[in-house]
């Protein structure tokens, strides 16, 4: 309910009576920024890796790499992957070895929303 209210309030602040895509993008940004640190790092890593690759070759990331980068346990990563695969946020990229990646839809939404711009992103320094 709070995210719906945020989208409506943003529309009202912009003198609109209906929520549009800009409002939804704001809600996505707030939701992403509210994720626990390990989950946010995992999604960011998958996004950054995909953005560095050619569009027709989207490689995945192993549980071991996610565990190391996210500074958490493999159990936590596995729990996250189960939820994200079920919700179609992530998918299995290959079976041997088992690698995971963002779904194309989620990658496209995150790219359009600009979720990974700004100093709030892990690994980026704040401007002086």
N, C-alpha and C. Protein backbone atom coordinates (compact mmCIF):
# COMPACT_ATOMS: atom_id res chain seq x y z
N UNK A 1 0.81 -1.20 0.00
CA UNK A 1 0.00 0.00 0.00
C UNK A 1 0.86 1.26 0.00
N UNK A 2 1.98 1.23 0.73
CA UNK A 2 2.82 2.43 0.82
C UNK A 2 3.40 2.79 -0.55
N UNK A 3 3.78 1.78 -1.34
CA UNK A 3 4.34 2.07 -2.66
C UNK A 3 3.28 2.62 -3.61
N UNK A 4 2.06 2.13 -3.48
CA UNK A 4 0.96 2.66 -4.29
C UNK A 4 0.72 4.12 -3.92
N UNK A 5 0.72 4.40 -2.63
CA UNK A 5 0.53 5.78 -2.17
C UNK A 5 1.66 6.68 -2.66
N UNK A 6 2.87 6.16 -2.67
CA UNK A 6 4.00 6.94 -3.17
C UNK A 6 3.81 7.30 -4.64
N UNK A 7 3.39 6.33 -5.45
CA UNK A 7 3.16 6.59 -6.88
C UNK A 7 2.06 7.63 -7.06
N UNK A 8 0.98 7.51 -6.31
CA UNK A 8 -0.12 8.48 -6.41
C UNK A 8 0.32 9.87 -5.97
N UNK A 9 1.07 9.94 -4.87
CA UNK A 9 1.54 11.22 -4.37
C UNK A 9 2.49 11.89 -5.36
N UNK A 10 3.32 11.09 -6.01
CA UNK A 10 4.24 11.64 -7.01
C UNK A 10 3.46 12.21 -8.20
N UNK A 11 2.41 11.51 -8.60
CA UNK A 11 1.56 12.01 -9.69
C UNK A 11 0.90 13.33 -9.29
N UNK A 12 0.37 13.39 -8.09
CA UNK A 12 -0.28 14.61 -7.61
C UNK A 12 0.73 15.76 -7.55
N UNK A 13 1.94 15.47 -7.07
CA UNK A 13 2.97 16.52 -6.99
C UNK A 13 3.34 17.06 -8.37
N UNK A 14 3.15 16.23 -9.40
CA UNK A 14 3.41 16.66 -10.78
C UNK A 14 2.15 17.19 -11.46
N UNK A 15 1.11 17.47 -10.69
CA UNK A 15 -0.16 18.01 -11.20
C UNK A 15 -0.85 17.06 -12.18
N UNK A 16 -0.79 15.78 -11.88
CA UNK A 16 -1.48 14.80 -12.71
C UNK A 16 -2.51 14.07 -11.87
N UNK A 17 -3.55 13.56 -12.52
CA UNK A 17 -4.59 12.83 -11.80
C UNK A 17 -4.41 11.31 -11.91
N UNK A 18 -3.50 10.89 -12.79
CA UNK A 18 -3.27 9.46 -12.97
C UNK A 18 -1.78 9.15 -12.87
N UNK A 19 -1.50 7.95 -12.38
CA UNK A 19 -0.13 7.47 -12.27
C UNK A 19 0.38 7.12 -13.66
N UNK A 20 1.62 7.50 -13.95
CA UNK A 20 2.20 7.13 -15.25
C UNK A 20 3.49 6.34 -15.04
N UNK A 21 4.20 6.08 -16.11
CA UNK A 21 5.41 5.25 -16.06
C UNK A 21 6.51 5.89 -15.20
N UNK A 22 6.59 7.21 -15.19
CA UNK A 22 7.58 7.90 -14.36
C UNK A 22 7.34 7.60 -12.88
N UNK A 23 6.08 7.57 -12.48
CA UNK A 23 5.74 7.26 -11.09
C UNK A 23 6.10 5.82 -10.74
N UNK A 24 5.82 4.93 -11.67
CA UNK A 24 6.14 3.51 -11.46
C UNK A 24 7.65 3.32 -11.36
N UNK A 25 8.41 4.04 -12.19
CA UNK A 25 9.87 3.95 -12.12
C UNK A 25 10.39 4.42 -10.76
N UNK A 26 9.78 5.47 -10.21
CA UNK A 26 10.17 5.94 -8.88
C UNK A 26 9.91 4.86 -7.84
N UNK A 27 8.77 4.22 -7.92
CA UNK A 27 8.43 3.15 -6.98
C UNK A 27 9.42 1.99 -7.11
N UNK A 28 9.79 1.66 -8.34
CA UNK A 28 10.79 0.59 -8.53
C UNK A 28 12.11 0.98 -7.88
N UNK A 29 12.49 2.22 -8.04
CA UNK A 29 13.75 2.70 -7.46
C UNK A 29 13.71 2.60 -5.93
N UNK A 30 12.62 3.04 -5.33
CA UNK A 30 12.48 2.97 -3.88
C UNK A 30 12.49 1.52 -3.41
N UNK A 31 11.78 0.65 -4.11
CA UNK A 31 11.74 -0.76 -3.74
C UNK A 31 13.14 -1.38 -3.83
N UNK A 32 13.86 -1.08 -4.89
CA UNK A 32 15.21 -1.61 -5.04
C UNK A 32 16.13 -1.10 -3.93
N UNK A 33 16.06 0.19 -3.66
CA UNK A 33 16.91 0.79 -2.63
C UNK A 33 16.58 0.26 -1.23
N UNK A 34 15.39 -0.30 -1.06
CA UNK A 34 14.97 -0.83 0.23
C UNK A 34 15.35 -2.30 0.43
N UNK A 35 15.90 -2.93 -0.60
CA UNK A 35 16.30 -4.34 -0.47
C UNK A 35 17.43 -4.48 0.54
N UNK A 36 17.48 -5.62 1.22
CA UNK A 36 18.65 -5.88 2.07
C UNK A 36 19.93 -5.82 1.21
N UNK A 37 21.02 -5.43 1.83
CA UNK A 37 22.27 -5.19 1.11
C UNK A 37 22.70 -6.37 0.23
N UNK A 38 22.67 -7.59 0.74
CA UNK A 38 23.12 -8.75 -0.04
C UNK A 38 22.27 -8.94 -1.29
N UNK A 39 20.97 -8.78 -1.17
CA UNK A 39 20.09 -8.93 -2.34
C UNK A 39 20.34 -7.81 -3.35
N UNK A 40 20.51 -6.61 -2.85
CA UNK A 40 20.77 -5.47 -3.74
C UNK A 40 22.08 -5.68 -4.50
N UNK A 41 23.10 -6.15 -3.80
CA UNK A 41 24.39 -6.41 -4.45
C UNK A 41 24.27 -7.50 -5.51
N UNK A 42 23.50 -8.54 -5.22
CA UNK A 42 23.33 -9.64 -6.19
C UNK A 42 22.66 -9.14 -7.47
N UNK A 43 21.60 -8.38 -7.31
CA UNK A 43 20.89 -7.85 -8.48
C UNK A 43 21.79 -6.88 -9.24
N UNK A 44 22.50 -6.04 -8.52
CA UNK A 44 23.40 -5.08 -9.17
C UNK A 44 24.49 -5.81 -9.94
N UNK A 45 25.08 -6.82 -9.35
CA UNK A 45 26.13 -7.58 -10.03
C UNK A 45 25.61 -8.21 -11.32
N UNK A 46 24.43 -8.80 -11.25
CA UNK A 46 23.85 -9.41 -12.45
C UNK A 46 23.54 -8.37 -13.51
N UNK A 47 23.06 -7.23 -13.09
CA UNK A 47 22.76 -6.16 -14.04
C UNK A 47 24.03 -5.66 -14.70
N UNK A 48 25.04 -5.38 -13.90
CA UNK A 48 26.30 -4.83 -14.43
C UNK A 48 26.96 -5.83 -15.38
N UNK A 49 26.94 -7.09 -15.02
CA UNK A 49 27.55 -8.10 -15.90
C UNK A 49 26.81 -8.15 -17.23
N UNK A 50 25.48 -8.11 -17.19
CA UNK A 50 24.70 -8.17 -18.43
C UNK A 50 24.94 -6.94 -19.29
N UNK A 51 25.12 -5.78 -18.65
CA UNK A 51 25.30 -4.55 -19.44
C UNK A 51 26.67 -4.51 -20.12
N UNK A 52 27.61 -5.29 -19.63
CA UNK A 52 28.94 -5.33 -20.24
C UNK A 52 29.03 -6.31 -21.40
N UNK A 53 28.03 -7.15 -21.53
CA UNK A 53 28.06 -8.19 -22.56
C UNK A 53 27.23 -7.78 -23.77
N UNK A 54 27.51 -8.45 -24.86
CA UNK A 54 26.69 -8.21 -26.05
C UNK A 54 25.28 -8.69 -25.78
N UNK A 55 24.31 -8.03 -26.39
CA UNK A 55 22.90 -8.31 -26.13
C UNK A 55 22.52 -9.77 -26.41
N UNK A 56 23.16 -10.39 -27.38
CA UNK A 56 22.76 -11.76 -27.74
C UNK A 56 23.48 -12.83 -26.92
N UNK A 57 24.43 -12.42 -26.08
CA UNK A 57 25.13 -13.39 -25.23
C UNK A 57 25.03 -12.89 -23.79
N UNK A 58 24.11 -13.46 -23.05
CA UNK A 58 23.92 -13.06 -21.65
C UNK A 58 24.37 -14.20 -20.76
N UNK A 59 25.56 -14.09 -20.21
CA UNK A 59 26.09 -15.13 -19.35
C UNK A 59 25.54 -14.99 -17.94
N UNK A 60 25.70 -16.04 -17.17
CA UNK A 60 25.21 -16.02 -15.80
C UNK A 60 26.33 -15.95 -14.79
N UNK A 61 25.95 -16.03 -13.52
CA UNK A 61 26.89 -15.93 -12.40
C UNK A 61 26.64 -17.12 -11.48
N UNK A 62 27.71 -17.66 -10.94
CA UNK A 62 27.59 -18.82 -10.06
C UNK A 62 27.19 -18.41 -8.64
N UNK A 63 26.70 -19.39 -7.89
CA UNK A 63 26.36 -19.16 -6.49
C UNK A 63 27.61 -18.77 -5.70
N UNK A 64 28.73 -19.38 -6.03
CA UNK A 64 29.98 -19.07 -5.33
C UNK A 64 30.36 -17.60 -5.50
N UNK A 65 30.25 -17.08 -6.73
CA UNK A 65 30.57 -15.68 -6.99
C UNK A 65 29.60 -14.76 -6.25
N UNK A 66 28.32 -15.09 -6.31
CA UNK A 66 27.33 -14.28 -5.60
C UNK A 66 27.59 -14.26 -4.11
N UNK A 67 27.94 -15.41 -3.55
CA UNK A 67 28.23 -15.50 -2.12
C UNK A 67 29.40 -14.60 -1.74
N UNK A 68 30.43 -14.63 -2.56
CA UNK A 68 31.63 -13.84 -2.28
C UNK A 68 31.35 -12.33 -2.39
N UNK A 69 30.73 -11.92 -3.49
CA UNK A 69 30.46 -10.50 -3.73
C UNK A 69 29.45 -9.94 -2.73
N UNK A 70 28.47 -10.75 -2.38
CA UNK A 70 27.40 -10.27 -1.49
C UNK A 70 27.75 -10.40 -0.01
N UNK A 71 28.89 -11.01 0.29
CA UNK A 71 29.35 -11.17 1.68
C UNK A 71 28.28 -11.84 2.54
N UNK A 72 27.79 -12.97 2.06
CA UNK A 72 26.76 -13.71 2.80
C UNK A 72 26.99 -15.20 2.61
N UNK A 73 26.07 -16.00 3.09
CA UNK A 73 26.21 -17.45 3.01
C UNK A 73 25.57 -17.99 1.74
N UNK A 74 26.02 -19.18 1.34
CA UNK A 74 25.39 -19.83 0.19
C UNK A 74 23.92 -20.12 0.45
N UNK A 75 23.58 -20.43 1.69
CA UNK A 75 22.18 -20.69 2.03
C UNK A 75 21.33 -19.45 1.76
N UNK A 76 21.83 -18.28 2.15
CA UNK A 76 21.09 -17.04 1.90
C UNK A 76 20.94 -16.78 0.40
N UNK A 77 22.00 -17.03 -0.34
CA UNK A 77 21.94 -16.83 -1.80
C UNK A 77 20.96 -17.82 -2.42
N UNK A 78 20.99 -19.06 -2.00
CA UNK A 78 20.06 -20.06 -2.55
C UNK A 78 18.62 -19.68 -2.24
N UNK A 79 18.35 -19.21 -1.02
CA UNK A 79 16.99 -18.78 -0.67
C UNK A 79 16.55 -17.62 -1.56
N UNK A 80 17.44 -16.67 -1.78
CA UNK A 80 17.14 -15.53 -2.65
C UNK A 80 16.84 -16.01 -4.08
N UNK A 81 17.68 -16.90 -4.58
CA UNK A 81 17.50 -17.39 -5.95
C UNK A 81 16.16 -18.10 -6.14
N UNK A 82 15.77 -18.89 -5.15
CA UNK A 82 14.47 -19.58 -5.23
C UNK A 82 13.35 -18.56 -5.36
N UNK A 83 13.38 -17.53 -4.54
CA UNK A 83 12.34 -16.49 -4.59
C UNK A 83 12.39 -15.73 -5.91
N UNK A 84 13.58 -15.33 -6.33
CA UNK A 84 13.71 -14.52 -7.55
C UNK A 84 13.39 -15.31 -8.81
N UNK A 85 13.71 -16.59 -8.83
CA UNK A 85 13.35 -17.42 -9.99
C UNK A 85 11.83 -17.60 -10.03
N UNK A 86 11.23 -17.86 -8.88
CA UNK A 86 9.78 -18.02 -8.81
C UNK A 86 9.05 -16.77 -9.29
N UNK A 87 9.59 -15.59 -8.95
CA UNK A 87 8.97 -14.31 -9.34
C UNK A 87 9.40 -13.83 -10.72
N UNK A 88 10.20 -14.63 -11.40
CA UNK A 88 10.69 -14.30 -12.75
C UNK A 88 11.56 -13.04 -12.78
N UNK A 89 12.34 -12.87 -11.71
CA UNK A 89 13.33 -11.80 -11.66
C UNK A 89 14.66 -12.33 -12.19
N UNK A 90 14.96 -13.57 -11.84
CA UNK A 90 16.17 -14.23 -12.31
C UNK A 90 15.79 -15.55 -12.95
N UNK A 91 16.76 -16.09 -13.70
CA UNK A 91 16.56 -17.38 -14.37
C UNK A 91 17.87 -18.14 -14.38
N UNK A 92 17.78 -19.42 -14.67
CA UNK A 92 18.98 -20.24 -14.81
C UNK A 92 19.54 -20.00 -16.21
N UNK A 93 20.79 -19.57 -16.27
CA UNK A 93 21.43 -19.27 -17.55
C UNK A 93 22.03 -20.51 -18.18
N UNK A 94 22.54 -21.42 -17.35
CA UNK A 94 23.10 -22.67 -17.87
C UNK A 94 23.06 -23.72 -16.77
N UNK A 95 23.06 -24.98 -17.19
CA UNK A 95 22.97 -26.09 -16.24
C UNK A 95 24.33 -26.65 -15.83
N UNK A 96 25.32 -26.54 -16.69
CA UNK A 96 26.62 -27.12 -16.40
C UNK A 96 27.74 -26.20 -16.84
N UNK A 97 28.27 -25.39 -15.97
CA UNK A 97 27.93 -25.25 -14.56
C UNK A 97 26.64 -24.45 -14.38
N UNK A 98 26.02 -24.57 -13.20
CA UNK A 98 24.79 -23.85 -12.94
C UNK A 98 25.11 -22.37 -12.73
N UNK A 99 24.53 -21.53 -13.61
CA UNK A 99 24.74 -20.09 -13.55
C UNK A 99 23.39 -19.39 -13.59
N UNK A 100 23.30 -18.23 -12.97
CA UNK A 100 22.04 -17.48 -12.86
C UNK A 100 22.22 -16.09 -13.46
N UNK A 101 21.11 -15.53 -13.96
CA UNK A 101 21.13 -14.18 -14.52
C UNK A 101 19.75 -13.56 -14.36
N UNK A 102 19.69 -12.23 -14.55
CA UNK A 102 18.40 -11.54 -14.57
C UNK A 102 17.63 -11.96 -15.82
N UNK A 103 16.31 -12.00 -15.71
CA UNK A 103 15.52 -12.23 -16.92
C UNK A 103 15.64 -11.00 -17.81
N UNK A 104 15.42 -11.18 -19.08
CA UNK A 104 15.54 -10.05 -20.02
C UNK A 104 14.56 -8.93 -19.67
N UNK A 105 13.35 -9.29 -19.28
CA UNK A 105 12.35 -8.27 -18.91
C UNK A 105 12.83 -7.41 -17.74
N UNK A 106 13.33 -8.05 -16.71
CA UNK A 106 13.80 -7.33 -15.53
C UNK A 106 15.01 -6.47 -15.88
N UNK A 107 15.93 -7.01 -16.66
CA UNK A 107 17.09 -6.22 -17.08
C UNK A 107 16.64 -4.97 -17.84
N UNK A 108 15.70 -5.12 -18.74
CA UNK A 108 15.23 -3.98 -19.55
C UNK A 108 14.56 -2.92 -18.67
N UNK A 109 13.75 -3.36 -17.71
CA UNK A 109 13.08 -2.42 -16.81
C UNK A 109 14.11 -1.66 -15.97
N UNK A 110 15.08 -2.38 -15.43
CA UNK A 110 16.10 -1.73 -14.60
C UNK A 110 16.93 -0.75 -15.42
N UNK A 111 17.22 -1.11 -16.63
CA UNK A 111 18.00 -0.23 -17.51
C UNK A 111 17.22 1.04 -17.80
N UNK A 112 15.94 0.90 -18.13
CA UNK A 112 15.10 2.05 -18.44
C UNK A 112 14.91 2.97 -17.23
N UNK A 113 14.77 2.39 -16.05
CA UNK A 113 14.53 3.17 -14.82
C UNK A 113 15.79 3.87 -14.33
N UNK A 114 16.94 3.47 -14.80
CA UNK A 114 18.17 4.06 -14.30
C UNK A 114 18.47 3.67 -12.87
N UNK A 115 18.15 2.43 -12.51
CA UNK A 115 18.34 1.98 -11.13
C UNK A 115 19.80 2.00 -10.70
N UNK A 116 20.70 1.91 -11.64
CA UNK A 116 22.11 1.80 -11.27
C UNK A 116 22.89 3.05 -11.63
N UNK A 117 22.27 4.19 -11.43
CA UNK A 117 22.97 5.45 -11.59
C UNK A 117 22.95 6.17 -10.25
N UNK A 118 23.99 6.88 -9.94
CA UNK A 118 24.02 7.64 -8.71
C UNK A 118 24.97 7.07 -7.68
N UNK A 119 25.28 7.85 -6.69
CA UNK A 119 26.28 7.48 -5.70
C UNK A 119 25.75 6.48 -4.66
N UNK A 120 24.45 6.19 -4.67
CA UNK A 120 23.90 5.25 -3.70
C UNK A 120 24.23 3.81 -4.04
N UNK A 121 24.79 3.57 -5.21
CA UNK A 121 25.06 2.22 -5.67
C UNK A 121 26.36 1.70 -5.06
N UNK A 122 26.30 0.46 -4.61
CA UNK A 122 27.46 -0.21 -4.01
C UNK A 122 28.64 -0.17 -4.98
N UNK A 123 29.79 0.24 -4.48
CA UNK A 123 30.98 0.27 -5.30
C UNK A 123 31.26 1.62 -5.94
N UNK A 124 30.29 2.53 -5.89
CA UNK A 124 30.50 3.87 -6.45
C UNK A 124 30.81 4.83 -5.31
N UNK A 125 31.72 5.73 -5.58
CA UNK A 125 32.04 6.73 -4.57
C UNK A 125 31.10 7.90 -4.69
N UNK A 126 30.82 8.51 -3.56
CA UNK A 126 29.99 9.72 -3.56
C UNK A 126 30.81 10.88 -4.10
N UNK A 127 30.20 11.77 -4.88
CA UNK A 127 30.94 12.92 -5.39
C UNK A 127 31.38 13.83 -4.24
N UNK A 128 32.53 14.47 -4.43
CA UNK A 128 33.06 15.36 -3.38
C UNK A 128 32.60 16.77 -3.59
